[in-house]
Amino acid sequence: MTTTAAPVVDATRCPLCGEPNRCAQEIERETGQAQPPCWCMQVDFSDAPLAKLPASMRGLACICARCAAGTPPQD
């Protein structure tokens, strides 16, 4: 029987681009200090390229504001 290991995901980084996602919930979890509501609570994610993210990696880490807006990375 073969088992597939769950992907290792850094919850502080965007799973699409790898940049810090600045998630207030993760900052609060790491520091134990209450944070204001996260920026993601006020963003429309309909333009986010979540289809590029494998289903097994969804819901494990927040995407960053740039990826949420569908803005390509600057080189």
N, C-alpha and C. Protein backbone atom coordinates (compact mmCIF):
# COMPACT_ATOMS: atom_id res chain seq x y z
N MET A 1 0.84 -1.17 0.00
CA MET A 1 0.00 0.00 0.00
C MET A 1 0.88 1.24 0.00
N THR A 2 0.54 2.18 -0.86
CA THR A 2 1.32 3.40 -0.97
C THR A 2 0.53 4.54 -0.33
N THR A 3 1.22 5.34 0.44
CA THR A 3 0.57 6.51 1.02
C THR A 3 1.26 7.75 0.50
N THR A 4 0.49 8.78 0.33
CA THR A 4 1.04 10.05 -0.13
C THR A 4 1.16 10.98 1.06
N ALA A 5 2.34 11.51 1.27
CA ALA A 5 2.56 12.42 2.39
C ALA A 5 1.87 13.75 2.10
N ALA A 6 1.33 14.34 3.15
CA ALA A 6 0.71 15.66 3.01
C ALA A 6 1.79 16.67 2.68
N PRO A 7 1.46 17.66 1.84
CA PRO A 7 2.47 18.66 1.49
C PRO A 7 2.88 19.47 2.72
N VAL A 8 4.15 19.82 2.78
CA VAL A 8 4.65 20.66 3.86
C VAL A 8 4.43 22.10 3.43
N VAL A 9 3.67 22.83 4.22
CA VAL A 9 3.33 24.20 3.88
C VAL A 9 3.74 25.13 5.01
N ASP A 10 4.43 26.20 4.68
CA ASP A 10 4.78 27.24 5.64
C ASP A 10 3.60 28.20 5.68
N ALA A 11 2.84 28.21 6.76
CA ALA A 11 1.62 29.01 6.86
C ALA A 11 1.88 30.51 6.84
N THR A 12 3.14 30.93 6.98
CA THR A 12 3.45 32.36 6.94
C THR A 12 3.78 32.85 5.53
N ARG A 13 3.82 31.92 4.57
CA ARG A 13 4.17 32.28 3.19
C ARG A 13 3.05 31.93 2.23
N CYS A 14 2.93 32.73 1.19
CA CYS A 14 1.94 32.51 0.15
C CYS A 14 2.28 31.21 -0.59
N PRO A 15 1.33 30.29 -0.71
CA PRO A 15 1.62 29.04 -1.41
C PRO A 15 1.75 29.21 -2.92
N LEU A 16 1.38 30.37 -3.45
CA LEU A 16 1.50 30.61 -4.89
C LEU A 16 2.85 31.20 -5.27
N CYS A 17 3.32 32.19 -4.50
CA CYS A 17 4.57 32.87 -4.88
C CYS A 17 5.69 32.69 -3.86
N GLY A 18 5.37 32.24 -2.65
CA GLY A 18 6.39 32.02 -1.64
C GLY A 18 6.75 33.24 -0.81
N GLU A 19 6.16 34.38 -1.13
CA GLU A 19 6.43 35.60 -0.36
C GLU A 19 5.64 35.58 0.95
N PRO A 20 6.08 36.36 1.97
CA PRO A 20 5.31 36.42 3.22
C PRO A 20 3.87 36.84 2.93
N ASN A 21 2.91 36.18 3.58
CA ASN A 21 1.51 36.51 3.33
C ASN A 21 0.96 37.54 4.31
N ARG A 22 1.69 37.84 5.36
CA ARG A 22 1.32 38.85 6.35
C ARG A 22 -0.04 38.56 6.98
N CYS A 23 -0.36 37.29 7.18
CA CYS A 23 -1.63 36.89 7.76
C CYS A 23 -1.64 37.22 9.26
N ALA A 24 -2.58 38.04 9.68
CA ALA A 24 -2.66 38.44 11.09
C ALA A 24 -2.95 37.24 11.98
N GLN A 25 -3.68 36.27 11.49
CA GLN A 25 -3.98 35.09 12.30
C GLN A 25 -2.71 34.29 12.58
N GLU A 26 -1.83 34.18 11.59
CA GLU A 26 -0.57 33.47 11.81
C GLU A 26 0.36 34.27 12.72
N ILE A 27 0.37 35.59 12.57
CA ILE A 27 1.20 36.43 13.43
C ILE A 27 0.73 36.27 14.88
N GLU A 28 -0.60 36.28 15.09
CA GLU A 28 -1.14 36.10 16.43
C GLU A 28 -0.79 34.73 16.99
N ARG A 29 -0.90 33.70 16.15
CA ARG A 29 -0.58 32.34 16.60
C ARG A 29 0.90 32.24 16.99
N GLU A 30 1.79 32.87 16.23
CA GLU A 30 3.22 32.81 16.51
C GLU A 30 3.63 33.62 17.74
N THR A 31 3.03 34.82 17.88
CA THR A 31 3.46 35.73 18.95
C THR A 31 2.61 35.64 20.21
N GLY A 32 1.37 35.16 20.07
CA GLY A 32 0.45 35.14 21.20
C GLY A 32 -0.15 36.50 21.49
N GLN A 33 0.15 37.49 20.64
CA GLN A 33 -0.37 38.84 20.82
C GLN A 33 -1.55 39.07 19.87
N ALA A 34 -2.64 39.60 20.43
CA ALA A 34 -3.83 39.88 19.63
C ALA A 34 -3.47 40.82 18.47
N GLN A 35 -4.06 40.55 17.32
CA GLN A 35 -3.83 41.35 16.12
C GLN A 35 -5.14 41.95 15.64
N PRO A 36 -5.07 43.05 14.92
CA PRO A 36 -6.30 43.60 14.32
C PRO A 36 -6.79 42.63 13.25
N PRO A 37 -8.01 42.81 12.76
CA PRO A 37 -8.50 41.92 11.70
C PRO A 37 -7.52 41.88 10.54
N CYS A 38 -7.36 40.70 9.96
CA CYS A 38 -6.42 40.50 8.87
C CYS A 38 -6.89 41.22 7.61
N TRP A 39 -5.93 41.66 6.79
CA TRP A 39 -6.24 42.33 5.53
C TRP A 39 -7.12 41.45 4.65
N CYS A 40 -6.97 40.13 4.79
CA CYS A 40 -7.70 39.21 3.90
C CYS A 40 -9.20 39.20 4.16
N MET A 41 -9.62 39.71 5.30
CA MET A 41 -11.05 39.73 5.60
C MET A 41 -11.79 40.79 4.78
N GLN A 42 -11.04 41.66 4.11
CA GLN A 42 -11.65 42.75 3.34
C GLN A 42 -11.28 42.70 1.87
N VAL A 43 -10.85 41.54 1.37
CA VAL A 43 -10.39 41.41 0.00
C VAL A 43 -11.29 40.46 -0.77
N ASP A 44 -11.55 40.79 -2.02
CA ASP A 44 -12.29 39.92 -2.92
C ASP A 44 -11.29 38.98 -3.58
N PHE A 45 -11.41 37.70 -3.32
CA PHE A 45 -10.47 36.71 -3.84
C PHE A 45 -10.91 36.12 -5.17
N SER A 46 -11.93 36.70 -5.80
CA SER A 46 -12.45 36.11 -7.03
C SER A 46 -11.44 36.14 -8.18
N ASP A 47 -10.49 37.07 -8.15
CA ASP A 47 -9.48 37.14 -9.20
C ASP A 47 -8.23 36.33 -8.87
N ALA A 48 -8.18 35.75 -7.70
CA ALA A 48 -6.99 35.01 -7.28
C ALA A 48 -6.83 33.74 -8.12
N PRO A 49 -5.62 33.44 -8.52
CA PRO A 49 -5.37 32.27 -9.36
C PRO A 49 -5.29 30.97 -8.55
N LEU A 50 -6.33 30.70 -7.76
CA LEU A 50 -6.32 29.52 -6.90
C LEU A 50 -6.35 28.22 -7.69
N ALA A 51 -6.78 28.27 -8.95
CA ALA A 51 -6.81 27.06 -9.77
C ALA A 51 -5.40 26.51 -9.98
N LYS A 52 -4.39 27.35 -9.85
CA LYS A 52 -2.99 26.91 -10.00
C LYS A 52 -2.50 26.14 -8.77
N LEU A 53 -3.25 26.23 -7.69
CA LEU A 53 -2.85 25.60 -6.44
C LEU A 53 -3.48 24.22 -6.35
N PRO A 54 -2.68 23.16 -6.16
CA PRO A 54 -3.25 21.82 -6.05
C PRO A 54 -4.26 21.76 -4.90
N ALA A 55 -5.32 21.00 -5.08
CA ALA A 55 -6.38 20.90 -4.07
C ALA A 55 -5.81 20.48 -2.71
N SER A 56 -4.77 19.65 -2.71
CA SER A 56 -4.19 19.17 -1.45
C SER A 56 -3.50 20.28 -0.66
N MET A 57 -3.22 21.42 -1.31
CA MET A 57 -2.54 22.52 -0.64
C MET A 57 -3.49 23.66 -0.28
N ARG A 58 -4.73 23.56 -0.67
CA ARG A 58 -5.69 24.64 -0.38
C ARG A 58 -6.11 24.61 1.08
N GLY A 59 -6.27 25.79 1.64
CA GLY A 59 -6.73 25.91 3.02
C GLY A 59 -5.64 25.71 4.06
N LEU A 60 -4.39 25.60 3.65
CA LEU A 60 -3.30 25.39 4.59
C LEU A 60 -2.52 26.67 4.89
N ALA A 61 -2.55 27.63 3.98
CA ALA A 61 -1.85 28.90 4.16
C ALA A 61 -2.56 29.96 3.34
N CYS A 62 -2.55 31.18 3.84
CA CYS A 62 -3.16 32.30 3.12
C CYS A 62 -2.30 32.70 1.93
N ILE A 63 -2.95 33.10 0.86
CA ILE A 63 -2.18 33.68 -0.23
C ILE A 63 -1.92 35.15 0.11
N CYS A 64 -0.95 35.75 -0.53
CA CYS A 64 -0.60 37.14 -0.24
C CYS A 64 -1.54 38.10 -0.96
N ALA A 65 -1.47 39.37 -0.58
CA ALA A 65 -2.36 40.39 -1.16
C ALA A 65 -2.14 40.52 -2.67
N ARG A 66 -0.90 40.41 -3.12
CA ARG A 66 -0.61 40.54 -4.55
C ARG A 66 -1.25 39.41 -5.32
N CYS A 67 -1.09 38.19 -4.85
CA CYS A 67 -1.70 37.05 -5.54
C CYS A 67 -3.22 37.09 -5.43
N ALA A 68 -3.74 37.56 -4.32
CA ALA A 68 -5.19 37.68 -4.16
C ALA A 68 -5.77 38.64 -5.19
N ALA A 69 -5.00 39.67 -5.52
CA ALA A 69 -5.46 40.65 -6.51
C ALA A 69 -5.21 40.18 -7.94
N GLY A 70 -4.49 39.07 -8.08
CA GLY A 70 -4.17 38.55 -9.41
C GLY A 70 -3.08 39.34 -10.10
N THR A 71 -2.29 40.07 -9.33
CA THR A 71 -1.21 40.88 -9.87
C THR A 71 0.04 40.03 -10.06
N PRO A 72 0.62 40.03 -11.25
CA PRO A 72 1.82 39.22 -11.45
C PRO A 72 3.00 39.76 -10.65
N PRO A 73 3.95 38.88 -10.28
CA PRO A 73 5.12 39.35 -9.55
C PRO A 73 5.98 40.27 -10.39
N GLN A 74 6.64 41.21 -9.72
CA GLN A 74 7.55 42.12 -10.42
C GLN A 74 8.93 41.51 -10.39
N ASP A 75 9.59 41.53 -11.52
CA ASP A 75 10.94 40.97 -11.59
C ASP A 75 11.99 42.00 -11.36
